[in-house]
Amino acid sequence: MAARDRYSRKLECAKCGHTGFAEVSETDDRRTSGRDFKIDDMPRGFSTERQSPDPRKHMMKCRCGAVFRFEQDTVYAPGGEPRR
């Protein structure tokens, strides 16, 4: 079984400005076709609107009702940048 890469990603609502850091993981096995993306810990005030194993398609919902992509232009937590 392959290991999982773990990192933090800042979520920021463009509508109300609410922020928080999500703890996420992806498969470390480059031979697989997908990234097997999972959110391990969600910050308060955010929820999953539409789940996907691809972070570019995973949709988030803020407590104000705004919906946005998980993987958008944003800032990583210090030391939380994903390894590529």
PDB file of N, CA and C in Angstrom:
ATOM      1  N   MET A   1       0.846  -1.183   0.000  1.00  0.00           N
ATOM      2  CA  MET A   1       0.000   0.000   0.000  1.00  0.00           C
ATOM      3  C   MET A   1       0.890   1.244   0.000  1.00  0.00           C
ATOM      4  N   ALA A   2       0.532   2.208  -0.799  1.00  0.00           N
ATOM      5  CA  ALA A   2       1.320   3.434  -0.942  1.00  0.00           C
ATOM      6  C   ALA A   2       1.050   4.388   0.223  1.00  0.00           C
ATOM      7  N   ALA A   3       2.046   5.189   0.516  1.00  0.00           N
ATOM      8  CA  ALA A   3       1.902   6.219   1.550  1.00  0.00           C
ATOM      9  C   ALA A   3       1.063   7.367   1.005  1.00  0.00           C
ATOM     10  N   ARG A   4       0.638   8.242   1.901  1.00  0.00           N
ATOM     11  CA  ARG A   4      -0.160   9.395   1.485  1.00  0.00           C
ATOM     12  C   ARG A   4       0.595  10.677   1.807  1.00  0.00           C
ATOM     13  N   ASP A   5       0.603  11.606   0.853  1.00  0.00           N
ATOM     14  CA  ASP A   5       1.146  12.941   1.088  1.00  0.00           C
ATOM     15  C   ASP A   5       0.100  13.728   1.855  1.00  0.00           C
ATOM     16  N   ARG A   6       0.526  14.418   2.900  1.00  0.00           N
ATOM     17  CA  ARG A   6      -0.391  15.218   3.712  1.00  0.00           C
ATOM     18  C   ARG A   6       0.082  16.664   3.713  1.00  0.00           C
ATOM     19  N   TYR A   7      -0.870  17.592   3.613  1.00  0.00           N
ATOM     20  CA  TYR A   7      -0.529  19.012   3.640  1.00  0.00           C
ATOM     21  C   TYR A   7      -1.730  19.832   4.091  1.00  0.00           C
ATOM     22  N   SER A   8      -1.479  21.078   4.418  1.00  0.00           N
ATOM     23  CA  SER A   8      -2.526  22.025   4.811  1.00  0.00           C
ATOM     24  C   SER A   8      -2.771  22.983   3.656  1.00  0.00           C
ATOM     25  N   ARG A   9      -4.020  23.387   3.518  1.00  0.00           N
ATOM     26  CA  ARG A   9      -4.368  24.343   2.465  1.00  0.00           C
ATOM     27  C   ARG A   9      -5.334  25.369   3.041  1.00  0.00           C
ATOM     28  N   LYS A  10      -5.038  26.629   2.774  1.00  0.00           N
ATOM     29  CA  LYS A  10      -5.896  27.703   3.269  1.00  0.00           C
ATOM     30  C   LYS A  10      -7.137  27.804   2.399  1.00  0.00           C
ATOM     31  N   LEU A  11      -8.304  27.813   3.045  1.00  0.00           N
ATOM     32  CA  LEU A  11      -9.566  28.046   2.361  1.00  0.00           C
ATOM     33  C   LEU A  11      -9.977  29.474   2.658  1.00  0.00           C
ATOM     34  N   GLU A  12     -10.406  30.183   1.639  1.00  0.00           N
ATOM     35  CA  GLU A  12     -10.819  31.569   1.825  1.00  0.00           C
ATOM     36  C   GLU A  12     -12.041  31.850   0.960  1.00  0.00           C
ATOM     37  N   CYS A  13     -13.103  32.323   1.599  1.00  0.00           N
ATOM     38  CA  CYS A  13     -14.330  32.652   0.894  1.00  0.00           C
ATOM     39  C   CYS A  13     -14.196  34.044   0.284  1.00  0.00           C
ATOM     40  N   ALA A  14     -14.414  34.133  -1.021  1.00  0.00           N
ATOM     41  CA  ALA A  14     -14.319  35.418  -1.700  1.00  0.00           C
ATOM     42  C   ALA A  14     -15.522  36.309  -1.386  1.00  0.00           C
ATOM     43  N   LYS A  15     -16.611  35.711  -0.929  1.00  0.00           N
ATOM     44  CA  LYS A  15     -17.826  36.471  -0.655  1.00  0.00           C
ATOM     45  C   LYS A  15     -17.788  37.153   0.713  1.00  0.00           C
ATOM     46  N   CYS A  16     -17.446  36.395   1.770  1.00  0.00           N
ATOM     47  CA  CYS A  16     -17.493  36.967   3.125  1.00  0.00           C
ATOM     48  C   CYS A  16     -16.126  37.111   3.782  1.00  0.00           C
ATOM     49  N   GLY A  17     -15.085  36.503   3.195  1.00  0.00           N
ATOM     50  CA  GLY A  17     -13.738  36.616   3.743  1.00  0.00           C
ATOM     51  C   GLY A  17     -13.401  35.608   4.830  1.00  0.00           C
ATOM     52  N   HIS A  18     -14.311  34.684   5.132  1.00  0.00           N
ATOM     53  CA  HIS A  18     -14.053  33.647   6.145  1.00  0.00           C
ATOM     54  C   HIS A  18     -12.878  32.777   5.696  1.00  0.00           C
ATOM     55  N   THR A  19     -11.950  32.467   6.612  1.00  0.00           N
ATOM     56  CA  THR A  19     -10.775  31.660   6.273  1.00  0.00           C
ATOM     57  C   THR A  19     -10.582  30.532   7.266  1.00  0.00           C
ATOM     58  N   GLY A  20      -9.809  29.555   6.863  1.00  0.00           N
ATOM     59  CA  GLY A  20      -9.436  28.436   7.715  1.00  0.00           C
ATOM     60  C   GLY A  20      -8.508  27.516   6.939  1.00  0.00           C
ATOM     61  N   PHE A  21      -7.820  26.642   7.661  1.00  0.00           N
ATOM     62  CA  PHE A  21      -6.893  25.711   7.028  1.00  0.00           C
ATOM     63  C   PHE A  21      -7.455  24.293   7.067  1.00  0.00           C
ATOM     64  N   ALA A  22      -7.524  23.659   5.890  1.00  0.00           N
ATOM     65  CA  ALA A  22      -7.963  22.272   5.769  1.00  0.00           C
ATOM     66  C   ALA A  22      -6.736  21.366   5.746  1.00  0.00           C
ATOM     67  N   GLU A  23      -6.823  20.246   6.433  1.00  0.00           N
ATOM     68  CA  GLU A  23      -5.771  19.226   6.406  1.00  0.00           C
ATOM     69  C   GLU A  23      -6.212  18.172   5.396  1.00  0.00           C
ATOM     70  N   VAL A  24      -5.402  17.957   4.370  1.00  0.00           N
ATOM     71  CA  VAL A  24      -5.774  17.049   3.291  1.00  0.00           C
ATOM     72  C   VAL A  24      -4.675  16.026   3.021  1.00  0.00           C
ATOM     73  N   SER A  25      -5.032  14.985   2.265  1.00  0.00           N
ATOM     74  CA  SER A  25      -4.049  13.977   1.882  1.00  0.00           C
ATOM     75  C   SER A  25      -4.364  13.480   0.474  1.00  0.00           C
ATOM     76  N   GLU A  26      -3.311  13.008  -0.195  1.00  0.00           N
ATOM     77  CA  GLU A  26      -3.401  12.443  -1.540  1.00  0.00           C
ATOM     78  C   GLU A  26      -2.508  11.218  -1.591  1.00  0.00           C
ATOM     79  N   THR A  27      -2.782  10.335  -2.530  1.00  0.00           N
ATOM     80  CA  THR A  27      -1.948   9.153  -2.680  1.00  0.00           C
ATOM     81  C   THR A  27      -0.545   9.555  -3.141  1.00  0.00           C
ATOM     82  N   ASP A  28       0.433   8.805  -2.679  1.00  0.00           N
ATOM     83  CA  ASP A  28       1.833   9.074  -3.024  1.00  0.00           C
ATOM     84  C   ASP A  28       2.281   8.225  -4.216  1.00  0.00           C
ATOM     85  N   ASP A  29       1.424   7.327  -4.653  1.00  0.00           N
ATOM     86  CA  ASP A  29       1.763   6.399  -5.727  1.00  0.00           C
ATOM     87  C   ASP A  29       1.540   7.049  -7.088  1.00  0.00           C
ATOM     88  N   ARG A  30       2.600   7.328  -7.807  1.00  0.00           N
ATOM     89  CA  ARG A  30       2.520   8.001  -9.111  1.00  0.00           C
ATOM     90  C   ARG A  30       1.999   7.074 -10.218  1.00  0.00           C
ATOM     91  N   ARG A  31       1.965   5.760  -9.957  1.00  0.00           N
ATOM     92  CA  ARG A  31       1.518   4.812 -10.969  1.00  0.00           C
ATOM     93  C   ARG A  31       0.000   4.764 -11.104  1.00  0.00           C
ATOM     94  N   THR A  32      -0.717   5.279 -10.107  1.00  0.00           N
ATOM     95  CA  THR A  32      -2.176   5.264 -10.174  1.00  0.00           C
ATOM     96  C   THR A  32      -2.677   6.385 -11.068  1.00  0.00           C
ATOM     97  N   SER A  33      -3.876   6.220 -11.591  1.00  0.00           N
ATOM     98  CA  SER A  33      -4.424   7.216 -12.513  1.00  0.00           C
ATOM     99  C   SER A  33      -4.976   8.443 -11.788  1.00  0.00           C
ATOM    100  N   GLY A  34      -5.437   8.299 -10.553  1.00  0.00           N
ATOM    101  CA  GLY A  34      -6.013   9.420  -9.806  1.00  0.00           C
ATOM    102  C   GLY A  34      -5.176   9.792  -8.598  1.00  0.00           C
ATOM    103  N   ARG A  35      -5.516  10.916  -8.005  1.00  0.00           N
ATOM    104  CA  ARG A  35      -4.764  11.410  -6.850  1.00  0.00           C
ATOM    105  C   ARG A  35      -5.366  10.929  -5.532  1.00  0.00           C
ATOM    106  N   ASP A  36      -6.565  10.360  -5.548  1.00  0.00           N
ATOM    107  CA  ASP A  36      -7.258   9.884  -4.355  1.00  0.00           C
ATOM    108  C   ASP A  36      -7.252  10.953  -3.258  1.00  0.00           C
ATOM    109  N   PHE A  37      -7.713  12.131  -3.604  1.00  0.00           N
ATOM    110  CA  PHE A  37      -7.743  13.297  -2.735  1.00  0.00           C
ATOM    111  C   PHE A  37      -8.799  13.136  -1.644  1.00  0.00           C
ATOM    112  N   LYS A  38      -8.426  13.435  -0.388  1.00  0.00           N
ATOM    113  CA  LYS A  38      -9.363  13.377   0.737  1.00  0.00           C
ATOM    114  C   LYS A  38      -9.091  14.525   1.702  1.00  0.00           C
ATOM    115  N   ILE A  39     -10.153  15.117   2.231  1.00  0.00           N
ATOM    116  CA  ILE A  39     -10.011  16.131   3.280  1.00  0.00           C
ATOM    117  C   ILE A  39     -10.097  15.402   4.609  1.00  0.00           C
ATOM    118  N   ASP A  40      -9.018  15.457   5.385  1.00  0.00           N
ATOM    119  CA  ASP A  40      -8.951  14.758   6.661  1.00  0.00           C
ATOM    120  C   ASP A  40      -9.524  15.591   7.810  1.00  0.00           C
ATOM    121  N   ASP A  41      -9.354  16.897   7.752  1.00  0.00           N
ATOM    122  CA  ASP A  41      -9.860  17.782   8.800  1.00  0.00           C
ATOM    123  C   ASP A  41     -10.328  19.087   8.163  1.00  0.00           C
ATOM    124  N   MET A  42     -11.598  19.389   8.333  1.00  0.00           N
ATOM    125  CA  MET A  42     -12.212  20.577   7.721  1.00  0.00           C
ATOM    126  C   MET A  42     -12.303  21.697   8.762  1.00  0.00           C
ATOM    127  N   PRO A  43     -11.938  22.935   8.388  1.00  0.00           N
ATOM    128  CA  PRO A  43     -12.065  24.038   9.343  1.00  0.00           C
ATOM    129  C   PRO A  43     -13.541  24.378   9.585  1.00  0.00           C
ATOM    130  N   ARG A  44     -13.833  24.899  10.754  1.00  0.00           N
ATOM    131  CA  ARG A  44     -15.193  25.280  11.123  1.00  0.00           C
ATOM    132  C   ARG A  44     -15.724  26.341  10.155  1.00  0.00           C
ATOM    133  N   GLY A  45     -16.971  26.184   9.726  1.00  0.00           N
ATOM    134  CA  GLY A  45     -17.587  27.144   8.826  1.00  0.00           C
ATOM    135  C   GLY A  45     -17.536  26.753   7.364  1.00  0.00           C
ATOM    136  N   PHE A  46     -16.831  25.665   7.040  1.00  0.00           N
ATOM    137  CA  PHE A  46     -16.758  25.167   5.672  1.00  0.00           C
ATOM    138  C   PHE A  46     -17.300  23.742   5.622  1.00  0.00           C
ATOM    139  N   SER A  47     -17.848  23.368   4.479  1.00  0.00           N
ATOM    140  CA  SER A  47     -18.323  21.999   4.282  1.00  0.00           C
ATOM    141  C   SER A  47     -18.095  21.620   2.821  1.00  0.00           C
ATOM    142  N   THR A  48     -18.268  20.336   2.529  1.00  0.00           N
ATOM    143  CA  THR A  48     -18.122  19.851   1.163  1.00  0.00           C
ATOM    144  C   THR A  48     -19.455  19.969   0.453  1.00  0.00           C
ATOM    145  N   GLU A  49     -19.469  20.649  -0.669  1.00  0.00           N
ATOM    146  CA  GLU A  49     -20.676  20.780  -1.489  1.00  0.00           C
ATOM    147  C   GLU A  49     -20.773  19.613  -2.468  1.00  0.00           C
ATOM    148  N   ARG A  50     -19.652  19.294  -3.140  1.00  0.00           N
ATOM    149  CA  ARG A  50     -19.602  18.173  -4.079  1.00  0.00           C
ATOM    150  C   ARG A  50     -18.233  17.524  -3.960  1.00  0.00           C
ATOM    151  N   GLN A  51     -18.223  16.282  -3.505  1.00  0.00           N
ATOM    152  CA  GLN A  51     -16.967  15.568  -3.272  1.00  0.00           C
ATOM    153  C   GLN A  51     -16.407  15.010  -4.569  1.00  0.00           C
ATOM    154  N   SER A  52     -15.063  15.013  -4.662  1.00  0.00           N
ATOM    155  CA  SER A  52     -14.378  14.459  -5.826  1.00  0.00           C
ATOM    156  C   SER A  52     -12.993  13.984  -5.398  1.00  0.00           C
ATOM    157  N   PRO A  53     -12.471  12.909  -6.001  1.00  0.00           N
ATOM    158  CA  PRO A  53     -11.109  12.469  -5.706  1.00  0.00           C
ATOM    159  C   PRO A  53     -10.060  13.373  -6.366  1.00  0.00           C
ATOM    160  N   ASP A  54     -10.499  14.352  -7.146  1.00  0.00           N
ATOM    161  CA  ASP A  54      -9.617  15.315  -7.805  1.00  0.00           C
ATOM    162  C   ASP A  54      -9.837  16.682  -7.151  1.00  0.00           C
ATOM    163  N   PRO A  55      -8.802  17.286  -6.533  1.00  0.00           N
ATOM    164  CA  PRO A  55      -8.997  18.563  -5.836  1.00  0.00           C
ATOM    165  C   PRO A  55      -9.421  19.713  -6.742  1.00  0.00           C
ATOM    166  N   ARG A  56      -9.194  19.598  -8.048  1.00  0.00           N
ATOM    167  CA  ARG A  56      -9.635  20.646  -8.978  1.00  0.00           C
ATOM    168  C   ARG A  56     -11.146  20.610  -9.199  1.00  0.00           C
ATOM    169  N   LYS A  57     -11.775  19.485  -8.863  1.00  0.00           N
ATOM    170  CA  LYS A  57     -13.223  19.334  -9.044  1.00  0.00           C
ATOM    171  C   LYS A  57     -13.980  19.289  -7.716  1.00  0.00           C
ATOM    172  N   HIS A  58     -13.279  19.221  -6.613  1.00  0.00           N
ATOM    173  CA  HIS A  58     -13.892  19.164  -5.283  1.00  0.00           C
ATOM    174  C   HIS A  58     -14.448  20.550  -4.938  1.00  0.00           C
ATOM    175  N   MET A  59     -15.743  20.639  -4.679  1.00  0.00           N
ATOM    176  CA  MET A  59     -16.393  21.923  -4.422  1.00  0.00           C
ATOM    177  C   MET A  59     -16.662  22.100  -2.922  1.00  0.00           C
ATOM    178  N   MET A  60     -16.336  23.290  -2.437  1.00  0.00           N
ATOM    179  CA  MET A  60     -16.500  23.641  -1.031  1.00  0.00           C
ATOM    180  C   MET A  60     -17.673  24.607  -0.871  1.00  0.00           C
ATOM    181  N   LYS A  61     -18.226  24.657   0.345  1.00  0.00           N
ATOM    182  CA  LYS A  61     -19.290  25.605   0.653  1.00  0.00           C
ATOM    183  C   LYS A  61     -18.945  26.310   1.956  1.00  0.00           C
ATOM    184  N   CYS A  62     -19.053  27.638   1.932  1.00  0.00           N
ATOM    185  CA  CYS A  62     -18.802  28.450   3.113  1.00  0.00           C
ATOM    186  C   CYS A  62     -20.095  28.590   3.912  1.00  0.00           C
ATOM    187  N   ARG A  63     -19.964  28.966   5.167  1.00  0.00           N
ATOM    188  CA  ARG A  63     -21.137  29.156   6.016  1.00  0.00           C
ATOM    189  C   ARG A  63     -22.069  30.247   5.495  1.00  0.00           C
ATOM    190  N   CYS A  64     -21.558  31.162   4.658  1.00  0.00           N
ATOM    191  CA  CYS A  64     -22.389  32.228   4.078  1.00  0.00           C
ATOM    192  C   CYS A  64     -23.162  31.745   2.851  1.00  0.00           C
ATOM    193  N   GLY A  65     -22.870  30.531   2.377  1.00  0.00           N
ATOM    194  CA  GLY A  65     -23.569  29.966   1.232  1.00  0.00           C
ATOM    195  C   GLY A  65     -22.784  29.993  -0.068  1.00  0.00           C
ATOM    196  N   ALA A  66     -21.646  30.660  -0.105  1.00  0.00           N
ATOM    197  CA  ALA A  66     -20.821  30.724  -1.312  1.00  0.00           C
ATOM    198  C   ALA A  66     -20.190  29.357  -1.597  1.00  0.00           C
ATOM    199  N   VAL A  67     -20.159  28.988  -2.862  1.00  0.00           N
ATOM    200  CA  VAL A  67     -19.569  27.716  -3.299  1.00  0.00           C
ATOM    201  C   VAL A  67     -18.346  28.032  -4.159  1.00  0.00           C
ATOM    202  N   PHE A  68     -17.246  27.293  -3.915  1.00  0.00           N
ATOM    203  CA  PHE A  68     -16.005  27.521  -4.659  1.00  0.00           C
ATOM    204  C   PHE A  68     -15.206  26.232  -4.753  1.00  0.00           C
ATOM    205  N   ARG A  69     -14.258  26.197  -5.691  1.00  0.00           N
ATOM    206  CA  ARG A  69     -13.375  25.042  -5.866  1.00  0.00           C
ATOM    207  C   ARG A  69     -12.380  24.956  -4.714  1.00  0.00           C
ATOM    208  N   PHE A  70     -12.077  23.725  -4.284  1.00  0.00           N
ATOM    209  CA  PHE A  70     -11.069  23.546  -3.241  1.00  0.00           C
ATOM    210  C   PHE A  70      -9.725  24.054  -3.725  1.00  0.00           C
ATOM    211  N   GLU A  71      -9.329  23.667  -4.923  1.00  0.00           N
ATOM    212  CA  GLU A  71      -8.022  24.059  -5.445  1.00  0.00           C
ATOM    213  C   GLU A  71      -8.193  25.326  -6.275  1.00  0.00           C
ATOM    214  N   GLN A  72      -7.922  26.450  -5.640  1.00  0.00           N
ATOM    215  CA  GLN A  72      -7.996  27.752  -6.288  1.00  0.00           C
ATOM    216  C   GLN A  72      -6.739  28.519  -5.923  1.00  0.00           C
ATOM    217  N   ASP A  73      -6.510  29.670  -6.521  1.00  0.00           N
ATOM    218  CA  ASP A  73      -5.338  30.472  -6.187  1.00  0.00           C
ATOM    219  C   ASP A  73      -5.475  30.953  -4.755  1.00  0.00           C
ATOM    220  N   THR A  74      -4.601  30.493  -3.905  1.00  0.00           N
ATOM    221  CA  THR A  74      -4.669  30.824  -2.486  1.00  0.00           C
ATOM    222  C   THR A  74      -3.294  30.667  -1.864  1.00  0.00           C
ATOM    223  N   VAL A  75      -3.204  30.827  -0.574  1.00  0.00           N
ATOM    224  CA  VAL A  75      -1.943  30.769   0.160  1.00  0.00           C
ATOM    225  C   VAL A  75      -1.904  29.492   0.985  1.00  0.00           C
ATOM    226  N   TYR A  76      -0.742  28.832   1.017  1.00  0.00           N
ATOM    227  CA  TYR A  76      -0.567  27.655   1.854  1.00  0.00           C
ATOM    228  C   TYR A  76      -0.128  28.059   3.255  1.00  0.00           C
ATOM    229  N   ALA A  77      -0.422  27.211   4.211  1.00  0.00           N
ATOM    230  CA  ALA A  77       0.078  27.416   5.570  1.00  0.00           C
ATOM    231  C   ALA A  77       1.595  27.276   5.547  1.00  0.00           C
ATOM    232  N   PRO A  78       2.319  27.970   6.425  1.00  0.00           N
ATOM    233  CA  PRO A  78       3.783  27.842   6.453  1.00  0.00           C
ATOM    234  C   PRO A  78       4.193  26.375   6.591  1.00  0.00           C
ATOM    235  N   GLY A  79       4.996  25.907   5.658  1.00  0.00           N
ATOM    236  CA  GLY A  79       5.450  24.520   5.673  1.00  0.00           C
ATOM    237  C   GLY A  79       4.421  23.539   5.138  1.00  0.00           C
ATOM    238  N   GLY A  80       3.287  24.004   4.674  1.00  0.00           N
ATOM    239  CA  GLY A  80       2.221  23.124   4.225  1.00  0.00           C
ATOM    240  C   GLY A  80       2.132  22.967   2.728  1.00  0.00           C
ATOM    241  N   GLU A  81       3.119  23.434   1.980  1.00  0.00           N
ATOM    242  CA  GLU A  81       3.076  23.330   0.537  1.00  0.00           C
ATOM    243  C   GLU A  81       3.164  21.860   0.116  1.00  0.00           C
ATOM    244  N   PRO A  82       2.375  21.441  -0.883  1.00  0.00           N
ATOM    245  CA  PRO A  82       2.458  20.045  -1.330  1.00  0.00           C
ATOM    246  C   PRO A  82       3.770  19.793  -2.057  1.00  0.00           C
ATOM    247  N   ARG A  83       4.277  18.574  -1.919  1.00  0.00           N
ATOM    248  CA  ARG A  83       5.496  18.183  -2.651  1.00  0.00           C
ATOM    249  C   ARG A  83       5.107  17.706  -4.020  1.00  0.00           C
ATOM    250  N   ARG A  84       5.789  18.134  -5.024  1.00  0.00           N
ATOM    251  CA  ARG A  84       5.475  17.709  -6.404  1.00  0.00           C
ATOM    252  C   ARG A  84       6.645  16.984  -7.001  1.00  0.00           C
TER     253      ARG A  84
END
